[in-house]
C-alpha cells in the first residue's frame, strides 16, 4: 500500500492575507486533487483544511496521482487573479502557477489502530 499526503505551501500566510480569496482557490485545489484521486483509484482517508491523506493499492498509482495533481494544478486549475499578486504564488514558467502544493508518498504495510 501507499499513502499520499498533500499540503499547500505558505497556506497560513495566504489564509491570513485574504480568507475569502483563499477559500475560492482552495475549492479549486480540492476539486483538482479529488478528481486525480478518483482517476487513479485512490481512497481519500481524510482531508483537514488544505491537506489530504489518500491511500492507494501501490506506490505506482500514488506517484502517478501525485504527478497528475501537480500537472493539473499548473495547467488546468483556474486560480483567482488575487493569487498572482502574492509572492508565494508567483508563476515560475514551467514549474509553478497558483497554489504551490507539496506532495509526499510513503510505501509499506499499513496498520490500522482501532481506538
C-alpha atoms as a PDB file:
ATOM      1  CA  UNK A   1       0.000   0.000   0.000  1.00  0.00           C
ATOM      2  CA  UNK A   2       0.998   3.622  -0.387  1.00  0.00           C
ATOM      3  CA  UNK A   3      -0.182   6.758   1.370  1.00  0.00           C
ATOM      4  CA  UNK A   4      -0.051  10.148  -0.367  1.00  0.00           C
ATOM      5  CA  UNK A   5      -0.065  13.369   1.654  1.00  0.00           C
ATOM      6  CA  UNK A   6      -0.580  16.880   0.275  1.00  0.00           C
ATOM      7  CA  UNK A   7      -0.269  20.323   1.788  1.00  0.00           C
ATOM      8  CA  UNK A   8      -0.341  23.851   0.403  1.00  0.00           C
ATOM      9  CA  UNK A   9       2.919  25.746   0.846  1.00  0.00           C
ATOM     10  CA  UNK A  10       2.554  29.011   2.824  1.00  0.00           C
ATOM     11  CA  UNK A  11      -1.135  28.265   3.451  1.00  0.00           C
ATOM     12  CA  UNK A  12      -1.236  30.110   6.776  1.00  0.00           C
ATOM     13  CA  UNK A  13       0.220  33.277   5.251  1.00  0.00           C
ATOM     14  CA  UNK A  14      -2.255  33.128   2.369  1.00  0.00           C
ATOM     15  CA  UNK A  15      -5.270  32.462   4.630  1.00  0.00           C
ATOM     16  CA  UNK A  16      -4.303  35.392   6.854  1.00  0.00           C
ATOM     17  CA  UNK A  17      -3.883  37.689   3.833  1.00  0.00           C
ATOM     18  CA  UNK A  18      -7.391  37.091   2.455  1.00  0.00           C
ATOM     19  CA  UNK A  19      -9.609  34.271   3.763  1.00  0.00           C
ATOM     20  CA  UNK A  20     -12.325  34.749   1.122  1.00  0.00           C
ATOM     21  CA  UNK A  21      -9.876  34.591  -1.781  1.00  0.00           C
ATOM     22  CA  UNK A  22      -8.132  31.587  -0.262  1.00  0.00           C
ATOM     23  CA  UNK A  23     -11.436  29.801   0.211  1.00  0.00           C
ATOM     24  CA  UNK A  24     -12.193  30.185  -3.513  1.00  0.00           C
ATOM     25  CA  UNK A  25      -8.725  28.970  -4.510  1.00  0.00           C
ATOM     26  CA  UNK A  26      -8.736  26.039  -2.084  1.00  0.00           C
ATOM     27  CA  UNK A  27     -12.056  24.918  -3.561  1.00  0.00           C
ATOM     28  CA  UNK A  28     -10.342  24.696  -6.974  1.00  0.00           C
ATOM     29  CA  UNK A  29      -7.394  22.899  -5.403  1.00  0.00           C
ATOM     30  CA  UNK A  30      -9.666  20.403  -3.638  1.00  0.00           C
ATOM     31  CA  UNK A  31     -11.636  19.668  -6.811  1.00  0.00           C
ATOM     32  CA  UNK A  32      -8.406  19.017  -8.721  1.00  0.00           C
ATOM     33  CA  UNK A  33      -6.980  16.739  -6.028  1.00  0.00           C
ATOM     34  CA  UNK A  34     -10.222  14.772  -5.702  1.00  0.00           C
ATOM     35  CA  UNK A  35     -10.537  14.294  -9.464  1.00  0.00           C
ATOM     36  CA  UNK A  36      -6.969  12.994  -9.702  1.00  0.00           C
ATOM     37  CA  UNK A  37      -7.525  10.673  -6.730  1.00  0.00           C
ATOM     38  CA  UNK A  38     -10.640   9.252  -8.401  1.00  0.00           C
ATOM     39  CA  UNK A  39      -8.804   8.851 -11.722  1.00  0.00           C
ATOM     40  CA  UNK A  40      -6.110   6.779 -10.000  1.00  0.00           C
ATOM     41  CA  UNK A  41      -8.482   4.759  -7.832  1.00  0.00           C
ATOM     42  CA  UNK A  42      -7.260   6.218  -4.566  1.00  0.00           C
ATOM     43  CA  UNK A  43      -9.216   6.406  -1.329  1.00  0.00           C
ATOM     44  CA  UNK A  44      -9.464   9.743   0.468  1.00  0.00           C
ATOM     45  CA  UNK A  45      -8.715   8.814   4.070  1.00  0.00           C
ATOM     46  CA  UNK A  46      -9.159  12.368   5.308  1.00  0.00           C
ATOM     47  CA  UNK A  47      -8.890  15.998   4.374  1.00  0.00           C
ATOM     48  CA  UNK A  48      -8.089  18.600   7.003  1.00  0.00           C
ATOM     49  CA  UNK A  49      -8.030  22.228   5.923  1.00  0.00           C
ATOM     50  CA  UNK A  50      -5.963  22.270   2.739  1.00  0.00           C
ATOM     51  CA  UNK A  51      -4.262  18.896   3.357  1.00  0.00           C
ATOM     52  CA  UNK A  52      -5.180  15.455   2.070  1.00  0.00           C
ATOM     53  CA  UNK A  53      -4.293  11.916   3.132  1.00  0.00           C
ATOM     54  CA  UNK A  54      -5.024   9.377   0.389  1.00  0.00           C
ATOM     55  CA  UNK A  55      -4.478   5.598   0.276  1.00  0.00           C
ATOM     56  CA  UNK A  56      -3.543   3.600  -2.820  1.00  0.00           C
ATOM     57  CA  UNK A  57      -3.010  -0.085  -3.530  1.00  0.00           C
ATOM     58  CA  UNK A  58       0.545   0.572  -4.689  1.00  0.00           C
ATOM     59  CA  UNK A  59       3.235   3.218  -4.933  1.00  0.00           C
ATOM     60  CA  UNK A  60       2.974   3.432  -8.716  1.00  0.00           C
ATOM     61  CA  UNK A  61      -0.627   4.637  -8.517  1.00  0.00           C
ATOM     62  CA  UNK A  62       0.248   7.099  -5.747  1.00  0.00           C
ATOM     63  CA  UNK A  63       3.173   8.525  -7.742  1.00  0.00           C
ATOM     64  CA  UNK A  64       1.129   8.839 -10.919  1.00  0.00           C
ATOM     65  CA  UNK A  65      -1.631  10.551  -8.970  1.00  0.00           C
ATOM     66  CA  UNK A  66       0.841  12.956  -7.352  1.00  0.00           C
ATOM     67  CA  UNK A  67       2.294  13.850 -10.753  1.00  0.00           C
ATOM     68  CA  UNK A  68      -1.173  14.384 -12.224  1.00  0.00           C
ATOM     69  CA  UNK A  69      -2.143  16.606  -9.297  1.00  0.00           C
ATOM     70  CA  UNK A  70       0.895  18.818  -9.916  1.00  0.00           C
ATOM     71  CA  UNK A  71       0.335  18.941 -13.679  1.00  0.00           C
ATOM     72  CA  UNK A  72      -3.374  19.696 -13.341  1.00  0.00           C
ATOM     73  CA  UNK A  73      -2.753  22.394 -10.748  1.00  0.00           C
ATOM     74  CA  UNK A  74      -0.273  24.009 -13.123  1.00  0.00           C
ATOM     75  CA  UNK A  75      -2.097  23.509 -16.424  1.00  0.00           C
ATOM     76  CA  UNK A  76      -5.808  23.308 -15.727  1.00  0.00           C
ATOM     77  CA  UNK A  77      -6.852  24.794 -12.410  1.00  0.00           C
ATOM     78  CA  UNK A  78      -8.244  28.304 -12.724  1.00  0.00           C
ATOM     79  CA  UNK A  79      -6.899  30.481  -9.937  1.00  0.00           C
ATOM     80  CA  UNK A  80      -8.304  33.848  -8.929  1.00  0.00           C
ATOM     81  CA  UNK A  81      -6.312  36.915 -10.077  1.00  0.00           C
ATOM     82  CA  UNK A  82      -5.559  37.657  -6.408  1.00  0.00           C
ATOM     83  CA  UNK A  83      -3.227  34.685  -6.248  1.00  0.00           C
ATOM     84  CA  UNK A  84      -0.937  36.075  -8.954  1.00  0.00           C
ATOM     85  CA  UNK A  85      -0.293  39.155  -6.788  1.00  0.00           C
ATOM     86  CA  UNK A  86       1.203  37.100  -3.954  1.00  0.00           C
ATOM     87  CA  UNK A  87       4.925  36.414  -3.923  1.00  0.00           C
ATOM     88  CA  UNK A  88       4.125  32.943  -2.522  1.00  0.00           C
ATOM     89  CA  UNK A  89       2.223  32.121  -5.724  1.00  0.00           C
ATOM     90  CA  UNK A  90       4.025  33.984  -8.492  1.00  0.00           C
ATOM     91  CA  UNK A  91       4.315  31.991 -11.677  1.00  0.00           C
ATOM     92  CA  UNK A  92       7.631  30.363 -12.416  1.00  0.00           C
ATOM     93  CA  UNK A  93       7.196  29.342 -16.043  1.00  0.00           C
ATOM     94  CA  UNK A  94       7.136  25.580 -16.424  1.00  0.00           C
ATOM     95  CA  UNK A  95       7.312  24.999 -12.674  1.00  0.00           C
ATOM     96  CA  UNK A  96       4.681  26.805 -10.598  1.00  0.00           C
ATOM     97  CA  UNK A  97       1.482  28.743 -11.132  1.00  0.00           C
ATOM     98  CA  UNK A  98      -1.061  29.361  -8.399  1.00  0.00           C
ATOM     99  CA  UNK A  99      -1.033  27.471  -5.138  1.00  0.00           C
ATOM    100  CA  UNK A 100       2.144  25.506  -4.532  1.00  0.00           C
ATOM    101  CA  UNK A 101       1.338  22.068  -3.246  1.00  0.00           C
ATOM    102  CA  UNK A 102       3.763  19.740  -1.526  1.00  0.00           C
ATOM    103  CA  UNK A 103       3.189  16.039  -2.029  1.00  0.00           C
ATOM    104  CA  UNK A 104       4.797  13.192  -0.112  1.00  0.00           C
ATOM    105  CA  UNK A 105       4.322   9.446  -0.529  1.00  0.00           C
ATOM    106  CA  UNK A 106       5.043   6.632   1.905  1.00  0.00           C
ATOM    107  CA  UNK A 107       5.002   2.979   0.888  1.00  0.00           C
ATOM    108  CA  UNK A 108       4.726  -0.069   3.104  1.00  0.00           C
ATOM    109  CA  UNK A 109       2.411  -2.108   5.238  1.00  0.00           C
ATOM    110  CA  UNK A 110      -0.481  -0.128   6.625  1.00  0.00           C
ATOM    111  CA  UNK A 111      -1.556  -0.861  10.182  1.00  0.00           C
ATOM    112  CA  UNK A 112      -4.989   0.149  11.387  1.00  0.00           C
ATOM    113  CA  UNK A 113      -5.258   1.177  15.019  1.00  0.00           C
ATOM    114  CA  UNK A 114      -8.872   0.939  16.117  1.00  0.00           C
ATOM    115  CA  UNK A 115      -9.118   3.212  19.109  1.00  0.00           C
END
